[in-house]
Amino acid sequence: EGLDLGIEGSPQVQIPDGATHFNPGVTIRWERGIPLI
C-alpha cells in the first residue's frame, strides 16, 4: 500500500485528508558518509 501511495521513505506521516509529510520538521543531508542535520 505504501508503494502504491508513493511513500518516499521513513517516516512519512499521513493526516486524515490524505496529505503526507516526509520526516516532518527535520531536514538531513549526507556528507562523506555522515548525516548532518
All heavy atoms as atom14 arrays in JSON, in Angstrom:
{
  "sequence": "EGLDLGIEGSPQVQIPDGATHFNPGVTIRWERGIPLI",
  "atom14_mask": [
    [1, 1, 1, 1, 1, 1, 1, 1, 1, 0, 0, 0, 0, 0],
    [1, 1, 1, 1, 0, 0, 0, 0, 0, 0, 0, 0, 0, 0],
    [1, 1, 1, 1, 1, 1, 1, 1, 0, 0, 0, 0, 0, 0],
    [1, 1, 1, 1, 1, 1, 1, 1, 0, 0, 0, 0, 0, 0],
    [1, 1, 1, 1, 1, 1, 1, 1, 0, 0, 0, 0, 0, 0],
    [1, 1, 1, 1, 0, 0, 0, 0, 0, 0, 0, 0, 0, 0],
    [1, 1, 1, 1, 1, 1, 1, 1, 0, 0, 0, 0, 0, 0],
    [1, 1, 1, 1, 1, 1, 1, 1, 1, 0, 0, 0, 0, 0],
    [1, 1, 1, 1, 0, 0, 0, 0, 0, 0, 0, 0, 0, 0],
    [1, 1, 1, 1, 1, 1, 0, 0, 0, 0, 0, 0, 0, 0],
    [1, 1, 1, 1, 1, 1, 1, 0, 0, 0, 0, 0, 0, 0],
    [1, 1, 1, 1, 1, 1, 1, 1, 1, 0, 0, 0, 0, 0],
    [1, 1, 1, 1, 1, 1, 1, 0, 0, 0, 0, 0, 0, 0],
    [1, 1, 1, 1, 1, 1, 1, 1, 1, 0, 0, 0, 0, 0],
    [1, 1, 1, 1, 1, 1, 1, 1, 0, 0, 0, 0, 0, 0],
    [1, 1, 1, 1, 1, 1, 1, 0, 0, 0, 0, 0, 0, 0],
    [1, 1, 1, 1, 1, 1, 1, 1, 0, 0, 0, 0, 0, 0],
    [1, 1, 1, 1, 0, 0, 0, 0, 0, 0, 0, 0, 0, 0],
    [1, 1, 1, 1, 1, 0, 0, 0, 0, 0, 0, 0, 0, 0],
    [1, 1, 1, 1, 1, 1, 1, 0, 0, 0, 0, 0, 0, 0],
    [1, 1, 1, 1, 1, 1, 1, 1, 1, 1, 0, 0, 0, 0],
    [1, 1, 1, 1, 1, 1, 1, 1, 1, 1, 1, 0, 0, 0],
    [1, 1, 1, 1, 1, 1, 1, 1, 0, 0, 0, 0, 0, 0],
    [1, 1, 1, 1, 1, 1, 1, 0, 0, 0, 0, 0, 0, 0],
    [1, 1, 1, 1, 0, 0, 0, 0, 0, 0, 0, 0, 0, 0],
    [1, 1, 1, 1, 1, 1, 1, 0, 0, 0, 0, 0, 0, 0],
    [1, 1, 1, 1, 1, 1, 1, 0, 0, 0, 0, 0, 0, 0],
    [1, 1, 1, 1, 1, 1, 1, 1, 0, 0, 0, 0, 0, 0],
    [1, 1, 1, 1, 1, 1, 1, 1, 1, 1, 1, 0, 0, 0],
    [1, 1, 1, 1, 1, 1, 1, 1, 1, 1, 1, 1, 1, 1],
    [1, 1, 1, 1, 1, 1, 1, 1, 1, 0, 0, 0, 0, 0],
    [1, 1, 1, 1, 1, 1, 1, 1, 1, 1, 1, 0, 0, 0],
    [1, 1, 1, 1, 0, 0, 0, 0, 0, 0, 0, 0, 0, 0],
    [1, 1, 1, 1, 1, 1, 1, 1, 0, 0, 0, 0, 0, 0],
    [1, 1, 1, 1, 1, 1, 1, 0, 0, 0, 0, 0, 0, 0],
    [1, 1, 1, 1, 1, 1, 1, 1, 0, 0, 0, 0, 0, 0],
    [1, 1, 1, 1, 1, 1, 1, 1, 0, 0, 0, 0, 0, 0]
  ],
  "atom14_positions": [
    [[0.83, -1.2, 0.0], [0.0, 0.0, 0.0], [0.87, 1.26, 0.0], [0.57, 2.24, -0.68], [-0.93, 0.02, 1.21], [-1.9, 1.19, 1.21], [-2.82, 1.21, 2.41], [-2.75, 0.27, 3.25], [-3.62, 2.16, 2.51], [0.0, 0.0, 0.0], [0.0, 0.0, 0.0], [0.0, 0.0, 0.0], [0.0, 0.0, 0.0], [0.0, 0.0, 0.0]],
    [[1.95, 1.21, 0.77], [2.88, 2.34, 0.79], [3.48, 2.61, -0.58], [3.61, 3.77, -1.0], [0.0, 0.0, 0.0], [0.0, 0.0, 0.0], [0.0, 0.0, 0.0], [0.0, 0.0, 0.0], [0.0, 0.0, 0.0], [0.0, 0.0, 0.0], [0.0, 0.0, 0.0], [0.0, 0.0, 0.0], [0.0, 0.0, 0.0], [0.0, 0.0, 0.0]],
    [[3.85, 1.56, -1.28], [4.38, 1.73, -2.63], [3.34, 2.34, -3.55], [3.65, 3.24, -4.34], [4.84, 0.38, -3.18], [6.05, -0.28, -2.5], [6.33, -1.64, -3.15], [7.28, 0.61, -2.59], [0.0, 0.0, 0.0], [0.0, 0.0, 0.0], [0.0, 0.0, 0.0], [0.0, 0.0, 0.0], [0.0, 0.0, 0.0], [0.0, 0.0, 0.0]],
    [[2.09, 1.87, -3.44], [1.02, 2.4, -4.28], [0.77, 3.88, -4.0], [0.43, 4.65, -4.91], [-0.27, 1.61, -4.06], [-0.2, 0.19, -4.61], [0.69, -0.08, -5.45], [-1.02, -0.65, -4.19], [0.0, 0.0, 0.0], [0.0, 0.0, 0.0], [0.0, 0.0, 0.0], [0.0, 0.0, 0.0], [0.0, 0.0, 0.0], [0.0, 0.0, 0.0]],
    [[0.94, 4.28, -2.74], [0.72, 5.68, -2.36], [1.9, 6.58, -2.72], [1.78, 7.8, -2.62], [0.44, 5.77, -0.85], [-0.91, 5.24, -0.36], [-0.94, 5.24, 1.16], [-2.04, 6.1, -0.91], [0.0, 0.0, 0.0], [0.0, 0.0, 0.0], [0.0, 0.0, 0.0], [0.0, 0.0, 0.0], [0.0, 0.0, 0.0], [0.0, 0.0, 0.0]],
    [[3.01, 5.97, -3.09], [4.19, 6.77, -3.4], [4.93, 7.25, -2.17], [5.55, 8.33, -2.19], [0.0, 0.0, 0.0], [0.0, 0.0, 0.0], [0.0, 0.0, 0.0], [0.0, 0.0, 0.0], [0.0, 0.0, 0.0], [0.0, 0.0, 0.0], [0.0, 0.0, 0.0], [0.0, 0.0, 0.0], [0.0, 0.0, 0.0], [0.0, 0.0, 0.0]],
    [[4.89, 6.46, -1.1], [5.61, 6.82, 0.11], [7.09, 6.97, -0.21], [7.71, 6.1, -0.84], [5.39, 5.75, 1.21], [3.92, 5.71, 1.63], [6.29, 6.01, 2.41], [3.37, 7.0, 2.2], [0.0, 0.0, 0.0], [0.0, 0.0, 0.0], [0.0, 0.0, 0.0], [0.0, 0.0, 0.0], [0.0, 0.0, 0.0], [0.0, 0.0, 0.0]],
    [[7.68, 8.09, 0.22], [9.07, 8.4, -0.11], [10.07, 7.63, 0.75], [11.17, 7.29, 0.29], [9.33, 9.9, 0.08], [8.52, 10.81, -0.81], [8.77, 12.26, -0.49], [9.96, 12.66, -0.41], [7.8, 13.01, -0.29], [0.0, 0.0, 0.0], [0.0, 0.0, 0.0], [0.0, 0.0, 0.0], [0.0, 0.0, 0.0], [0.0, 0.0, 0.0]],
    [[9.71, 7.4, 1.99], [10.64, 6.73, 2.9], [10.11, 6.78, 4.31], [8.9, 6.87, 4.54], [0.0, 0.0, 0.0], [0.0, 0.0, 0.0], [0.0, 0.0, 0.0], [0.0, 0.0, 0.0], [0.0, 0.0, 0.0], [0.0, 0.0, 0.0], [0.0, 0.0, 0.0], [0.0, 0.0, 0.0], [0.0, 0.0, 0.0], [0.0, 0.0, 0.0]],
    [[11.01, 6.75, 5.25], [10.63, 6.66, 6.67], [11.22, 7.84, 7.45], [12.42, 8.11, 7.32], [11.16, 5.35, 7.24], [10.97, 5.25, 8.62], [0.0, 0.0, 0.0], [0.0, 0.0, 0.0], [0.0, 0.0, 0.0], [0.0, 0.0, 0.0], [0.0, 0.0, 0.0], [0.0, 0.0, 0.0], [0.0, 0.0, 0.0], [0.0, 0.0, 0.0]],
    [[10.35, 8.52, 8.24], [8.91, 8.33, 8.37], [8.14, 9.22, 7.39], [8.64, 10.25, 6.94], [8.65, 8.81, 9.8], [9.63, 9.95, 9.97], [10.86, 9.52, 9.2], [0.0, 0.0, 0.0], [0.0, 0.0, 0.0], [0.0, 0.0, 0.0], [0.0, 0.0, 0.0], [0.0, 0.0, 0.0], [0.0, 0.0, 0.0], [0.0, 0.0, 0.0]],
    [[6.94, 8.82, 7.07], [6.04, 9.65, 6.29], [4.68, 9.62, 6.98], [4.09, 8.56, 7.16], [5.94, 9.19, 4.85], [5.26, 10.2, 3.94], [5.78, 10.17, 2.52], [6.86, 9.66, 2.27], [5.02, 10.7, 1.59], [0.0, 0.0, 0.0], [0.0, 0.0, 0.0], [0.0, 0.0, 0.0], [0.0, 0.0, 0.0], [0.0, 0.0, 0.0]],
    [[4.22, 10.79, 7.37], [3.01, 10.92, 8.17], [1.86, 11.35, 7.26], [1.96, 12.33, 6.52], [3.2, 11.95, 9.3], [1.92, 12.12, 10.1], [4.35, 11.52, 10.22], [0.0, 0.0, 0.0], [0.0, 0.0, 0.0], [0.0, 0.0, 0.0], [0.0, 0.0, 0.0], [0.0, 0.0, 0.0], [0.0, 0.0, 0.0], [0.0, 0.0, 0.0]],
    [[0.76, 10.61, 7.33], [-0.42, 10.9, 6.53], [-1.54, 11.39, 7.44], [-1.97, 10.68, 8.35], [-0.87, 9.66, 5.77], [-2.03, 9.89, 4.82], [-2.45, 8.62, 4.1], [-2.51, 7.56, 4.71], [-2.73, 8.72, 2.82], [0.0, 0.0, 0.0], [0.0, 0.0, 0.0], [0.0, 0.0, 0.0], [0.0, 0.0, 0.0], [0.0, 0.0, 0.0]],
    [[-1.98, 12.63, 7.22], [-3.07, 13.19, 8.01], [-4.4, 12.77, 7.42], [-4.45, 12.24, 6.3], [-2.94, 14.73, 8.12], [-2.97, 15.39, 6.74], [-1.65, 15.09, 8.87], [-2.9, 16.91, 6.8], [0.0, 0.0, 0.0], [0.0, 0.0, 0.0], [0.0, 0.0, 0.0], [0.0, 0.0, 0.0], [0.0, 0.0, 0.0], [0.0, 0.0, 0.0]],
    [[-5.51, 12.97, 8.14], [-6.79, 12.43, 7.7], [-7.26, 12.86, 6.31], [-8.03, 12.14, 5.68], [-7.77, 12.9, 8.78], [-6.93, 12.98, 10.01], [-5.61, 13.49, 9.52], [0.0, 0.0, 0.0], [0.0, 0.0, 0.0], [0.0, 0.0, 0.0], [0.0, 0.0, 0.0], [0.0, 0.0, 0.0], [0.0, 0.0, 0.0], [0.0, 0.0, 0.0]],
    [[-6.82, 14.03, 5.82], [-7.28, 14.45, 4.49], [-6.48, 13.79, 3.36], [-6.73, 14.05, 2.19], [-7.24, 15.97, 4.35], [-5.83, 16.55, 4.3], [-4.86, 15.77, 4.49], [-5.68, 17.77, 4.09], [0.0, 0.0, 0.0], [0.0, 0.0, 0.0], [0.0, 0.0, 0.0], [0.0, 0.0, 0.0], [0.0, 0.0, 0.0], [0.0, 0.0, 0.0]],
    [[-5.52, 12.93, 3.73], [-4.74, 12.2, 2.74], [-3.39, 12.81, 2.44], [-2.54, 12.15, 1.83], [0.0, 0.0, 0.0], [0.0, 0.0, 0.0], [0.0, 0.0, 0.0], [0.0, 0.0, 0.0], [0.0, 0.0, 0.0], [0.0, 0.0, 0.0], [0.0, 0.0, 0.0], [0.0, 0.0, 0.0], [0.0, 0.0, 0.0], [0.0, 0.0, 0.0]],
    [[-3.16, 14.05, 2.84], [-1.86, 14.69, 2.61], [-0.79, 14.0, 3.45], [-1.05, 13.55, 4.58], [-1.92, 16.17, 2.96], [0.0, 0.0, 0.0], [0.0, 0.0, 0.0], [0.0, 0.0, 0.0], [0.0, 0.0, 0.0], [0.0, 0.0, 0.0], [0.0, 0.0, 0.0], [0.0, 0.0, 0.0], [0.0, 0.0, 0.0], [0.0, 0.0, 0.0]],
    [[0.43, 13.9, 2.91], [1.51, 13.24, 3.64], [2.68, 14.2, 3.83], [2.88, 15.13, 3.05], [2.0, 11.98, 2.91], [2.6, 12.35, 1.66], [0.87, 10.99, 2.68], [0.0, 0.0, 0.0], [0.0, 0.0, 0.0], [0.0, 0.0, 0.0], [0.0, 0.0, 0.0], [0.0, 0.0, 0.0], [0.0, 0.0, 0.0], [0.0, 0.0, 0.0]],
    [[3.44, 13.93, 4.89], [4.58, 14.77, 5.25], [5.77, 13.85, 5.54], [5.71, 13.03, 6.45], [4.26, 15.63, 6.47], [3.06, 16.5, 6.28], [3.15, 17.82, 5.91], [1.72, 16.23, 6.39], [1.94, 18.34, 5.81], [1.05, 17.39, 6.09], [0.0, 0.0, 0.0], [0.0, 0.0, 0.0], [0.0, 0.0, 0.0], [0.0, 0.0, 0.0]],
    [[6.83, 14.0, 4.74], [8.01, 13.15, 4.91], [8.93, 13.74, 5.97], [9.3, 14.92, 5.91], [8.75, 13.0, 3.59], [10.05, 12.24, 3.7], [10.04, 10.88, 4.01], [11.26, 12.87, 3.54], [11.22, 10.18, 4.14], [12.45, 12.18, 3.66], [12.43, 10.82, 3.96], [0.0, 0.0, 0.0], [0.0, 0.0, 0.0], [0.0, 0.0, 0.0]],
    [[9.29, 12.92, 6.96], [10.2, 13.3, 8.04], [9.88, 14.71, 8.55], [10.7, 15.64, 8.44], [11.65, 13.23, 7.58], [12.61, 13.02, 8.75], [12.2, 12.82, 9.89], [13.91, 13.1, 8.47], [0.0, 0.0, 0.0], [0.0, 0.0, 0.0], [0.0, 0.0, 0.0], [0.0, 0.0, 0.0], [0.0, 0.0, 0.0], [0.0, 0.0, 0.0]],
    [[8.7, 14.89, 9.14], [8.22, 16.23, 9.47], [9.2, 17.05, 10.31], [9.68, 16.6, 11.36], [6.94, 15.95, 10.27], [6.49, 14.62, 9.79], [7.74, 13.85, 9.53], [0.0, 0.0, 0.0], [0.0, 0.0, 0.0], [0.0, 0.0, 0.0], [0.0, 0.0, 0.0], [0.0, 0.0, 0.0], [0.0, 0.0, 0.0], [0.0, 0.0, 0.0]],
    [[9.47, 18.25, 9.83], [10.27, 19.21, 10.59], [11.77, 19.01, 10.54], [12.52, 19.87, 10.99], [0.0, 0.0, 0.0], [0.0, 0.0, 0.0], [0.0, 0.0, 0.0], [0.0, 0.0, 0.0], [0.0, 0.0, 0.0], [0.0, 0.0, 0.0], [0.0, 0.0, 0.0], [0.0, 0.0, 0.0], [0.0, 0.0, 0.0], [0.0, 0.0, 0.0]],
    [[12.22, 17.88, 10.0], [13.66, 17.58, 10.03], [14.21, 17.49, 8.61], [13.63, 16.83, 7.75], [13.93, 16.25, 10.76], [15.43, 15.92, 10.76], [13.41, 16.31, 12.2], [0.0, 0.0, 0.0], [0.0, 0.0, 0.0], [0.0, 0.0, 0.0], [0.0, 0.0, 0.0], [0.0, 0.0, 0.0], [0.0, 0.0, 0.0], [0.0, 0.0, 0.0]],
    [[15.3, 18.18, 8.38], [16.0, 18.13, 7.09], [17.4, 17.61, 7.33], [18.12, 18.11, 8.2], [16.07, 19.52, 6.42], [14.75, 20.04, 6.3], [16.71, 19.42, 5.05], [0.0, 0.0, 0.0], [0.0, 0.0, 0.0], [0.0, 0.0, 0.0], [0.0, 0.0, 0.0], [0.0, 0.0, 0.0], [0.0, 0.0, 0.0], [0.0, 0.0, 0.0]],
    [[17.78, 16.59, 6.55], [19.09, 15.93, 6.72], [19.79, 15.88, 5.38], [19.16, 15.7, 4.34], [18.91, 14.49, 7.24], [18.04, 14.47, 8.5], [20.26, 13.82, 7.51], [17.34, 13.16, 8.7], [0.0, 0.0, 0.0], [0.0, 0.0, 0.0], [0.0, 0.0, 0.0], [0.0, 0.0, 0.0], [0.0, 0.0, 0.0], [0.0, 0.0, 0.0]],
    [[21.08, 16.01, 5.39], [21.89, 15.75, 4.2], [23.07, 14.88, 4.6], [23.54, 14.91, 5.75], [22.36, 17.05, 3.55], [23.35, 17.86, 4.36], [23.73, 19.14, 3.63], [24.52, 20.03, 4.47], [25.85, 19.96, 4.56], [26.52, 19.06, 3.87], [26.5, 20.79, 5.36], [0.0, 0.0, 0.0], [0.0, 0.0, 0.0], [0.0, 0.0, 0.0]],
    [[23.51, 14.09, 3.65], [24.65, 13.2, 3.88], [25.91, 13.8, 3.25], [25.87, 14.28, 2.12], [24.38, 11.82, 3.3], [23.42, 11.02, 4.11], [22.06, 11.07, 4.08], [23.76, 10.05, 5.12], [21.52, 10.19, 4.99], [22.54, 9.55, 5.63], [24.97, 9.56, 5.62], [22.5, 8.58, 6.63], [24.92, 8.58, 6.6], [23.71, 8.1, 7.1]],
    [[26.99, 13.77, 4.0], [28.26, 14.29, 3.5], [29.39, 13.37, 3.96], [29.61, 13.18, 5.15], [28.5, 15.71, 4.03], [29.71, 16.4, 3.42], [29.79, 17.86, 3.83], [28.8, 18.59, 3.62], [30.86, 18.26, 4.34], [0.0, 0.0, 0.0], [0.0, 0.0, 0.0], [0.0, 0.0, 0.0], [0.0, 0.0, 0.0], [0.0, 0.0, 0.0]],
    [[30.05, 12.75, 3.01], [31.16, 11.83, 3.28], [30.74, 10.74, 4.29], [31.48, 10.4, 5.21], [32.39, 12.58, 3.79], [32.96, 13.58, 2.8], [34.25, 14.22, 3.3], [34.02, 14.93, 4.56], [33.51, 16.15, 4.66], [33.16, 16.81, 3.56], [33.36, 16.72, 5.84], [0.0, 0.0, 0.0], [0.0, 0.0, 0.0], [0.0, 0.0, 0.0]],
    [[29.54, 10.2, 4.09], [29.06, 9.12, 4.92], [28.54, 9.54, 6.28], [28.27, 8.68, 7.13], [0.0, 0.0, 0.0], [0.0, 0.0, 0.0], [0.0, 0.0, 0.0], [0.0, 0.0, 0.0], [0.0, 0.0, 0.0], [0.0, 0.0, 0.0], [0.0, 0.0, 0.0], [0.0, 0.0, 0.0], [0.0, 0.0, 0.0], [0.0, 0.0, 0.0]],
    [[28.37, 10.85, 6.5], [27.92, 11.36, 7.79], [26.6, 12.1, 7.6], [26.51, 12.99, 6.75], [28.96, 12.31, 8.41], [30.28, 11.58, 8.63], [28.45, 12.89, 9.73], [31.4, 12.49, 9.08], [0.0, 0.0, 0.0], [0.0, 0.0, 0.0], [0.0, 0.0, 0.0], [0.0, 0.0, 0.0], [0.0, 0.0, 0.0], [0.0, 0.0, 0.0]],
    [[25.56, 11.76, 8.37], [24.3, 12.5, 8.29], [24.41, 13.82, 9.05], [24.78, 13.84, 10.23], [23.28, 11.56, 8.93], [24.09, 10.74, 9.89], [25.47, 10.62, 9.31], [0.0, 0.0, 0.0], [0.0, 0.0, 0.0], [0.0, 0.0, 0.0], [0.0, 0.0, 0.0], [0.0, 0.0, 0.0], [0.0, 0.0, 0.0], [0.0, 0.0, 0.0]],
    [[24.09, 14.91, 8.38], [24.15, 16.23, 9.01], [22.74, 16.81, 9.06], [22.02, 16.82, 8.06], [25.07, 17.15, 8.2], [26.51, 16.67, 8.03], [27.28, 17.63, 7.12], [27.21, 16.54, 9.38], [0.0, 0.0, 0.0], [0.0, 0.0, 0.0], [0.0, 0.0, 0.0], [0.0, 0.0, 0.0], [0.0, 0.0, 0.0], [0.0, 0.0, 0.0]],
    [[22.35, 17.29, 10.22], [21.03, 17.87, 10.4], [21.07, 19.33, 10.01], [21.78, 20.14, 10.61], [20.56, 17.72, 11.86], [20.47, 16.23, 12.23], [19.21, 18.4, 12.07], [20.24, 15.98, 13.7], [0.0, 0.0, 0.0], [0.0, 0.0, 0.0], [0.0, 0.0, 0.0], [0.0, 0.0, 0.0], [0.0, 0.0, 0.0], [0.0, 0.0, 0.0]]
  ]
}
